[in-house]
Amino acid sequence: MKYLILIVLALFAVSCGQSPQKPSKGEAAAATSLTGNFGNEFPAGNTLPASQVATLFKDSDTATATLSGDITSSCKHTGCWMDLDMGKGETIHVTFKDDAFTIPLDAAGKNAVAEGIAIRKLIPVETLKNYAREDGKSAEEVAAITEPVYAYEFIANGVLIEE
């Protein structure tokens, strides 16, 4: 019994001398405040509501912008992406440049302002039909897809999450 106590004490002393482990991205995001700046700080003026992102694309399929909107969902594992509400059941998917930062895991429901690059992609009819088939849509629903659709993405350099 005496030896067992000595072994436990020795293990405890050794473990206390080890340096602390750096938290993973997800743990770091979970430990942060739900509001504040994440990534690069930027002036929050001249923001465009996410619902108006289509107005950015006149001559190009990319545009530098500062978007604002409600976070409808976010990555629950590491905080590595979020979706902003564009209205009418649509969202814009936001990722973070070079995976340089994360946001809190439970950011959904908060308002966010994101600074970065908006991207417009034309999704062809055949791709849309494949998505519909994979989503279990009926043959009639798949056949009804006859026009390509623009999808929007955003690569943020920084995000400000507001109350």
Protein backbone atom coordinates (compact mmCIF):
# COMPACT_ATOMS: atom_id res chain seq x y z
CA MET A 1 0.00 0.00 0.00
CA LYS A 2 2.84 2.32 0.90
CA TYR A 3 4.43 1.72 -2.52
CA LEU A 4 1.15 2.43 -4.30
CA ILE A 5 0.87 5.82 -2.57
CA LEU A 6 4.48 6.63 -3.49
CA ILE A 7 3.84 5.71 -7.14
CA VAL A 8 0.69 7.87 -7.28
CA LEU A 9 2.55 10.81 -5.71
CA ALA A 10 5.46 10.39 -8.13
CA LEU A 11 3.10 10.32 -11.13
CA PHE A 12 1.30 13.39 -9.85
CA ALA A 13 4.59 15.28 -9.40
CA VAL A 14 5.75 14.36 -12.91
CA SER A 15 2.44 15.35 -14.55
CA CYS A 16 2.41 18.73 -12.78
CA GLY A 17 5.80 19.58 -14.25
CA GLN A 18 4.66 19.18 -17.87
CA SER A 19 3.93 22.25 -19.94
CA PRO A 20 0.29 22.89 -20.80
CA GLN A 21 -1.06 21.66 -24.13
CA LYS A 22 -2.06 24.25 -26.75
CA PRO A 23 -5.83 24.01 -27.38
CA SER A 24 -7.03 22.87 -30.78
CA LYS A 25 -8.78 25.34 -33.09
CA GLY A 26 -12.18 24.13 -31.92
CA GLU A 27 -11.29 24.34 -28.25
CA ALA A 28 -9.86 27.81 -28.77
CA ALA A 29 -13.04 28.96 -30.50
CA ALA A 30 -15.22 27.41 -27.82
CA ALA A 31 -13.28 29.24 -25.13
CA THR A 32 -13.63 32.67 -26.73
CA SER A 33 -16.37 35.19 -26.18
CA LEU A 34 -19.42 34.95 -28.42
CA THR A 35 -18.90 38.52 -29.63
CA GLY A 36 -15.94 40.54 -30.84
CA ASN A 37 -13.36 40.53 -33.62
CA PHE A 38 -12.06 37.32 -35.12
CA GLY A 39 -9.26 37.38 -37.69
CA ASN A 40 -8.16 40.77 -39.04
CA GLU A 41 -9.76 43.84 -37.54
CA PHE A 42 -11.36 46.21 -40.05
CA PRO A 43 -13.48 49.36 -40.08
CA ALA A 44 -17.12 48.27 -39.92
CA GLY A 45 -18.42 51.19 -42.01
CA ASN A 46 -19.90 50.83 -45.50
CA THR A 47 -21.34 47.37 -44.98
CA LEU A 48 -23.63 45.77 -47.51
CA PRO A 49 -26.48 43.55 -46.27
CA ALA A 50 -25.90 39.93 -47.33
CA SER A 51 -29.29 40.06 -49.06
CA GLN A 52 -27.78 42.49 -51.60
CA VAL A 53 -24.61 40.52 -52.44
CA ALA A 54 -25.77 40.03 -56.06
CA THR A 55 -25.41 43.80 -56.63
CA LEU A 56 -21.62 43.49 -56.23
CA PHE A 57 -21.14 41.66 -59.51
CA LYS A 58 -21.21 43.94 -62.50
CA ASP A 59 -17.99 43.24 -64.40
CA SER A 60 -16.45 40.36 -62.50
CA ASP A 61 -17.31 37.22 -60.54
CA THR A 62 -15.30 38.44 -57.54
CA ALA A 63 -15.61 41.61 -55.48
CA THR A 64 -14.02 42.98 -52.32
CA ALA A 65 -16.76 43.80 -49.81
CA THR A 66 -17.88 44.09 -46.22
CA LEU A 67 -21.10 42.12 -45.70
CA SER A 68 -23.44 42.03 -42.73
CA GLY A 69 -26.15 39.59 -41.81
CA ASP A 70 -27.51 37.14 -39.29
CA ILE A 71 -25.55 33.92 -38.84
CA THR A 72 -27.97 31.12 -39.69
CA SER A 73 -25.51 28.31 -38.95
CA SER A 74 -21.85 27.75 -38.21
CA CYS A 75 -19.40 24.88 -37.98
CA LYS A 76 -20.06 22.97 -34.76
CA HIS A 77 -16.70 21.16 -34.78
CA THR A 78 -14.04 23.85 -35.15
CA GLY A 79 -15.80 27.14 -35.94
CA CYS A 80 -14.25 27.18 -39.43
CA TRP A 81 -17.26 28.53 -41.41
CA MET A 82 -20.61 30.27 -41.09
CA ASP A 83 -23.64 30.96 -43.27
CA LEU A 84 -25.17 34.44 -43.45
CA ASP A 85 -28.87 34.92 -44.17
CA MET A 86 -29.55 36.43 -47.60
CA GLY A 87 -33.33 36.30 -47.17
CA LYS A 88 -35.85 34.22 -49.12
CA GLY A 89 -34.38 31.02 -47.64
CA GLU A 90 -30.95 31.63 -49.18
CA THR A 91 -27.59 31.89 -47.45
CA ILE A 92 -24.06 32.87 -48.38
CA HIS A 93 -21.39 30.45 -47.20
CA VAL A 94 -18.49 32.21 -45.45
CA THR A 95 -15.09 30.59 -44.91
CA PHE A 96 -12.02 32.16 -43.36
CA LYS A 97 -8.97 33.01 -45.45
CA ASP A 98 -6.18 30.44 -45.07
CA ASP A 99 -8.09 28.95 -42.10
CA ALA A 100 -6.28 31.66 -40.11
CA PHE A 101 -9.02 32.01 -37.48
CA THR A 102 -12.20 30.47 -36.18
CA ILE A 103 -15.41 31.80 -34.64
CA PRO A 104 -17.29 30.54 -31.58
CA LEU A 105 -19.01 27.21 -32.13
CA ASP A 106 -22.42 28.55 -31.10
CA ALA A 107 -22.39 31.79 -33.13
CA ALA A 108 -25.67 31.03 -34.92
CA GLY A 109 -28.31 33.64 -34.17
CA LYS A 110 -25.81 36.49 -33.80
CA ASN A 111 -25.30 39.31 -36.30
CA ALA A 112 -21.94 39.33 -38.10
CA VAL A 113 -19.99 41.73 -40.26
CA ALA A 114 -17.39 40.08 -42.51
CA GLU A 115 -14.69 41.76 -44.60
CA GLY A 116 -13.18 39.92 -47.55
CA ILE A 117 -13.90 38.69 -51.07
CA ALA A 118 -17.32 37.74 -52.42
CA ILE A 119 -17.40 35.14 -55.19
CA ARG A 120 -20.20 34.39 -57.65
CA LYS A 121 -20.33 30.98 -59.34
CA LEU A 122 -22.74 29.85 -62.02
CA ILE A 123 -23.98 26.34 -61.17
CA PRO A 124 -24.86 24.47 -64.40
CA VAL A 125 -28.22 22.73 -64.85
CA GLU A 126 -26.70 19.23 -64.85
CA THR A 127 -24.92 19.90 -61.54
CA LEU A 128 -28.14 21.24 -60.04
CA LYS A 129 -29.98 18.12 -61.23
CA ASN A 130 -27.31 15.90 -59.68
CA TYR A 131 -27.63 17.79 -56.37
CA ALA A 132 -31.41 17.32 -56.51
CA ARG A 133 -31.08 13.57 -57.19
CA GLU A 134 -28.57 13.21 -54.34
CA ASP A 135 -31.02 15.09 -52.10
CA GLY A 136 -33.72 12.52 -52.91
CA LYS A 137 -35.91 14.80 -55.05
CA SER A 138 -38.54 13.17 -57.28
CA ALA A 139 -38.04 12.73 -61.02
CA GLU A 140 -40.55 15.55 -61.62
CA GLU A 141 -38.62 17.93 -59.35
CA VAL A 142 -35.35 17.07 -61.11
CA ALA A 143 -36.93 17.58 -64.55
CA ALA A 144 -38.22 21.00 -63.46
CA ILE A 145 -34.64 22.28 -63.16
CA THR A 146 -34.03 24.02 -66.48
CA GLU A 147 -31.96 27.13 -65.65
CA PRO A 148 -28.49 27.52 -64.14
CA VAL A 149 -28.35 29.29 -60.78
CA TYR A 150 -25.78 31.62 -59.28
CA ALA A 151 -24.33 30.62 -55.92
CA TYR A 152 -22.37 32.97 -53.69
CA GLU A 153 -19.42 32.35 -51.41
CA PHE A 154 -17.41 34.67 -49.23
CA ILE A 155 -13.81 34.36 -48.03
CA ALA A 156 -13.43 36.54 -44.95
CA ASN A 157 -10.20 38.14 -43.74
CA GLY A 158 -11.96 39.15 -40.54
CA VAL A 159 -15.31 38.84 -38.82
CA LEU A 160 -16.98 41.03 -36.21
CA ILE A 161 -19.74 39.25 -34.29
CA GLU A 162 -22.20 41.61 -32.65
CA GLU A 163 -24.76 41.11 -29.89
